[in-house]
C-alpha atoms as a PDB file:
ATOM      1  CA  UNK A   1     143.131  77.389  77.001  1.00  0.00           C
ATOM      2  CA  UNK A   2     143.650  74.111  78.835  1.00  0.00           C
ATOM      3  CA  UNK A   3     141.110  71.529  77.870  1.00  0.00           C
ATOM      4  CA  UNK A   4     140.329  68.378  79.817  1.00  0.00           C
ATOM      5  CA  UNK A   5     137.906  65.465  79.512  1.00  0.00           C
ATOM      6  CA  UNK A   6     136.850  62.284  81.250  1.00  0.00           C
ATOM      7  CA  UNK A   7     136.081  59.358  78.922  1.00  0.00           C
ATOM      8  CA  UNK A   8     133.712  56.819  80.466  1.00  0.00           C
ATOM      9  CA  UNK A   9     132.778  53.513  78.766  1.00  0.00           C
ATOM     10  CA  UNK A  10     132.984  49.852  79.702  1.00  0.00           C
ATOM     11  CA  UNK A  11     134.039  49.068  76.099  1.00  0.00           C
ATOM     12  CA  UNK A  12     137.843  49.216  76.376  1.00  0.00           C
ATOM     13  CA  UNK A  13     138.387  49.453  72.623  1.00  0.00           C
ATOM     14  CA  UNK A  14     136.010  52.365  72.506  1.00  0.00           C
ATOM     15  CA  UNK A  15     137.720  53.904  75.524  1.00  0.00           C
ATOM     16  CA  UNK A  16     141.096  53.724  73.744  1.00  0.00           C
ATOM     17  CA  UNK A  17     139.672  55.085  70.419  1.00  0.00           C
ATOM     18  CA  UNK A  18     137.913  58.074  72.000  1.00  0.00           C
ATOM     19  CA  UNK A  19     140.867  58.851  74.199  1.00  0.00           C
ATOM     20  CA  UNK A  20     143.150  58.826  71.154  1.00  0.00           C
ATOM     21  CA  UNK A  21     140.781  61.094  69.166  1.00  0.00           C
ATOM     22  CA  UNK A  22     140.582  63.650  72.065  1.00  0.00           C
ATOM     23  CA  UNK A  23     144.318  63.568  72.836  1.00  0.00           C
ATOM     24  CA  UNK A  24     145.133  64.207  69.142  1.00  0.00           C
ATOM     25  CA  UNK A  25     142.930  67.334  69.423  1.00  0.00           C
ATOM     26  CA  UNK A  26     144.974  68.580  72.379  1.00  0.00           C
ATOM     27  CA  UNK A  27     142.596  67.481  75.195  1.00  0.00           C
ATOM     28  CA  UNK A  28     144.060  66.028  78.393  1.00  0.00           C
ATOM     29  CA  UNK A  29     142.051  62.851  79.075  1.00  0.00           C
ATOM     30  CA  UNK A  30     141.268  60.851  82.226  1.00  0.00           C
ATOM     31  CA  UNK A  31     139.467  57.544  81.848  1.00  0.00           C
ATOM     32  CA  UNK A  32     136.967  55.408  83.785  1.00  0.00           C
ATOM     33  CA  UNK A  33     135.423  52.062  82.779  1.00  0.00           C
ATOM     34  CA  UNK A  34     132.110  53.067  84.400  1.00  0.00           C
ATOM     35  CA  UNK A  35     129.974  51.576  87.199  1.00  0.00           C
ATOM     36  CA  UNK A  36     129.328  48.227  85.420  1.00  0.00           C
ATOM     37  CA  UNK A  37     133.101  47.444  85.490  1.00  0.00           C
ATOM     38  CA  UNK A  38     134.238  49.264  88.593  1.00  0.00           C
ATOM     39  CA  UNK A  39     131.359  47.958  90.754  1.00  0.00           C
ATOM     40  CA  UNK A  40     131.215  51.253  92.597  1.00  0.00           C
ATOM     41  CA  UNK A  41     130.589  54.767  91.533  1.00  0.00           C
ATOM     42  CA  UNK A  42     130.009  57.832  93.704  1.00  0.00           C
ATOM     43  CA  UNK A  43     127.377  59.117  91.249  1.00  0.00           C
ATOM     44  CA  UNK A  44     125.302  55.988  91.839  1.00  0.00           C
ATOM     45  CA  UNK A  45     125.178  57.124  95.489  1.00  0.00           C
ATOM     46  CA  UNK A  46     124.223  60.708  94.439  1.00  0.00           C
ATOM     47  CA  UNK A  47     127.647  61.953  95.417  1.00  0.00           C
ATOM     48  CA  UNK A  48     130.029  64.000  93.286  1.00  0.00           C
ATOM     49  CA  UNK A  49     132.694  62.010  91.388  1.00  0.00           C
ATOM     50  CA  UNK A  50     136.250  63.422  91.926  1.00  0.00           C
ATOM     51  CA  UNK A  51     137.202  62.467  88.382  1.00  0.00           C
ATOM     52  CA  UNK A  52     134.158  64.143  86.820  1.00  0.00           C
ATOM     53  CA  UNK A  53     134.513  67.260  88.969  1.00  0.00           C
ATOM     54  CA  UNK A  54     138.178  67.673  87.973  1.00  0.00           C
ATOM     55  CA  UNK A  55     137.651  67.922  84.208  1.00  0.00           C
ATOM     56  CA  UNK A  56     135.774  70.325  81.930  1.00  0.00           C
ATOM     57  CA  UNK A  57     133.674  67.735  80.100  1.00  0.00           C
ATOM     58  CA  UNK A  58     132.835  64.038  80.076  1.00  0.00           C
ATOM     59  CA  UNK A  59     132.361  61.790  77.055  1.00  0.00           C
ATOM     60  CA  UNK A  60     130.184  58.892  78.237  1.00  0.00           C
ATOM     61  CA  UNK A  61     129.407  55.769  76.318  1.00  0.00           C
ATOM     62  CA  UNK A  62     125.793  54.652  76.828  1.00  0.00           C
ATOM     63  CA  UNK A  63     123.578  51.879  75.599  1.00  0.00           C
ATOM     64  CA  UNK A  64     120.242  53.029  74.292  1.00  0.00           C
ATOM     65  CA  UNK A  65     117.090  51.223  75.520  1.00  0.00           C
ATOM     66  CA  UNK A  66     114.246  50.875  73.139  1.00  0.00           C
ATOM     67  CA  UNK A  67     111.022  51.978  74.746  1.00  0.00           C
ATOM     68  CA  UNK A  68     112.719  52.941  78.032  1.00  0.00           C
ATOM     69  CA  UNK A  69     113.552  56.295  79.648  1.00  0.00           C
ATOM     70  CA  UNK A  70     117.211  57.087  79.019  1.00  0.00           C
ATOM     71  CA  UNK A  71     117.540  58.755  82.386  1.00  0.00           C
ATOM     72  CA  UNK A  72     117.336  55.383  84.100  1.00  0.00           C
ATOM     73  CA  UNK A  73     120.663  54.289  82.649  1.00  0.00           C
ATOM     74  CA  UNK A  74     123.428  54.473  85.256  1.00  0.00           C
ATOM     75  CA  UNK A  75     125.850  55.904  82.736  1.00  0.00           C
ATOM     76  CA  UNK A  76     123.576  58.931  82.359  1.00  0.00           C
ATOM     77  CA  UNK A  77     124.466  60.029  85.872  1.00  0.00           C
ATOM     78  CA  UNK A  78     128.051  60.789  84.925  1.00  0.00           C
ATOM     79  CA  UNK A  79     127.558  64.542  85.336  1.00  0.00           C
ATOM     80  CA  UNK A  80     128.810  67.223  87.610  1.00  0.00           C
ATOM     81  CA  UNK A  81     126.819  68.082  90.705  1.00  0.00           C
ATOM     82  CA  UNK A  82     124.806  70.072  89.867  1.00  0.00           C
ATOM     83  CA  UNK A  83     124.643  69.056  86.216  1.00  0.00           C
ATOM     84  CA  UNK A  84     126.048  71.918  84.117  1.00  0.00           C
ATOM     85  CA  UNK A  85     125.388  70.420  80.721  1.00  0.00           C
ATOM     86  CA  UNK A  86     129.024  69.494  79.952  1.00  0.00           C
ATOM     87  CA  UNK A  87     128.521  65.751  79.452  1.00  0.00           C
ATOM     88  CA  UNK A  88     128.503  64.272  75.964  1.00  0.00           C
ATOM     89  CA  UNK A  89     126.613  60.990  75.580  1.00  0.00           C
ATOM     90  CA  UNK A  90     127.469  58.561  72.807  1.00  0.00           C
ATOM     91  CA  UNK A  91     125.395  55.467  71.830  1.00  0.00           C
ATOM     92  CA  UNK A  92     124.998  53.392  68.663  1.00  0.00           C
ATOM     93  CA  UNK A  93     122.833  56.117  67.187  1.00  0.00           C
ATOM     94  CA  UNK A  94     125.284  59.000  67.631  1.00  0.00           C
ATOM     95  CA  UNK A  95     126.436  61.836  69.822  1.00  0.00           C
ATOM     96  CA  UNK A  96     124.137  63.754  72.188  1.00  0.00           C
ATOM     97  CA  UNK A  97     125.046  66.900  74.057  1.00  0.00           C
ATOM     98  CA  UNK A  98     123.255  69.689  75.994  1.00  0.00           C
ATOM     99  CA  UNK A  99     123.233  72.913  73.989  1.00  0.00           C
ATOM    100  CA  UNK A 100     121.166  75.842  75.279  1.00  0.00           C
ATOM    101  CA  UNK A 101     119.903  73.828  78.175  1.00  0.00           C
ATOM    102  CA  UNK A 102     118.376  71.032  76.039  1.00  0.00           C
ATOM    103  CA  UNK A 103     119.783  67.628  75.126  1.00  0.00           C
ATOM    104  CA  UNK A 104     120.258  67.343  71.372  1.00  0.00           C
ATOM    105  CA  UNK A 105     121.293  64.517  69.067  1.00  0.00           C
ATOM    106  CA  UNK A 106     124.279  66.052  67.244  1.00  0.00           C
ATOM    107  CA  UNK A 107     125.237  63.409  64.693  1.00  0.00           C
ATOM    108  CA  UNK A 108     127.121  60.116  64.078  1.00  0.00           C
ATOM    109  CA  UNK A 109     129.754  59.026  66.572  1.00  0.00           C
ATOM    110  CA  UNK A 110     132.707  59.917  64.301  1.00  0.00           C
ATOM    111  CA  UNK A 111     136.060  61.318  65.404  1.00  0.00           C
ATOM    112  CA  UNK A 112     135.131  64.667  63.904  1.00  0.00           C
ATOM    113  CA  UNK A 113     131.745  64.898  65.615  1.00  0.00           C
ATOM    114  CA  UNK A 114     133.002  63.759  69.008  1.00  0.00           C
ATOM    115  CA  UNK A 115     136.057  66.065  68.963  1.00  0.00           C
ATOM    116  CA  UNK A 116     133.986  69.037  67.677  1.00  0.00           C
ATOM    117  CA  UNK A 117     131.358  68.689  70.349  1.00  0.00           C
ATOM    118  CA  UNK A 118     133.995  68.171  73.070  1.00  0.00           C
ATOM    119  CA  UNK A 119     135.949  71.185  71.880  1.00  0.00           C
ATOM    120  CA  UNK A 120     132.851  73.366  71.743  1.00  0.00           C
ATOM    121  CA  UNK A 121     131.874  72.370  75.339  1.00  0.00           C
ATOM    122  CA  UNK A 122     135.423  72.910  76.568  1.00  0.00           C
ATOM    123  CA  UNK A 123     135.351  76.492  75.280  1.00  0.00           C
ATOM    124  CA  UNK A 124     132.066  77.384  77.008  1.00  0.00           C
ATOM    125  CA  UNK A 125     132.820  79.362  80.192  1.00  0.00           C
ATOM    126  CA  UNK A 126     129.408  78.506  81.652  1.00  0.00           C
ATOM    127  CA  UNK A 127     127.080  76.098  79.902  1.00  0.00           C
ATOM    128  CA  UNK A 128     123.394  76.738  80.428  1.00  0.00           C
ATOM    129  CA  UNK A 129     124.274  79.339  83.013  1.00  0.00           C
ATOM    130  CA  UNK A 130     125.325  76.801  85.548  1.00  0.00           C
ATOM    131  CA  UNK A 131     128.650  75.550  86.896  1.00  0.00           C
ATOM    132  CA  UNK A 132     131.947  77.221  87.483  1.00  0.00           C
ATOM    133  CA  UNK A 133     134.219  78.629  84.784  1.00  0.00           C
ATOM    134  CA  UNK A 134     136.776  75.903  84.323  1.00  0.00           C
ATOM    135  CA  UNK A 135     139.055  77.713  81.896  1.00  0.00           C
END
């Protein structure tokens, strides 16, 4: 099965590290520095992102906000249209992914956790009953 991912983070060292982890696991990786660096992002305009639509999953670096709603973070919009639950969010507290239609904190942001979650999502023909089969 062909596996593909988009890695999105403004931290270039993190971008390189996550890309390396996924590529070593056999995942084809595209990268994006995110809206803070690029200055423009189709998802900020509620449009589909061609990069995000072309891959099976996205691994998105986010910054948590104490006391704030996480959905207000621009990075949290890096999903397919409609959102099919195949975006993995990573912040200083760990990895979060949608499993069974609900966002769950999976564990620490280690190479094993990130690659395991990415691999799991790549092998799901339809996550949460939405989205096309991208196998």
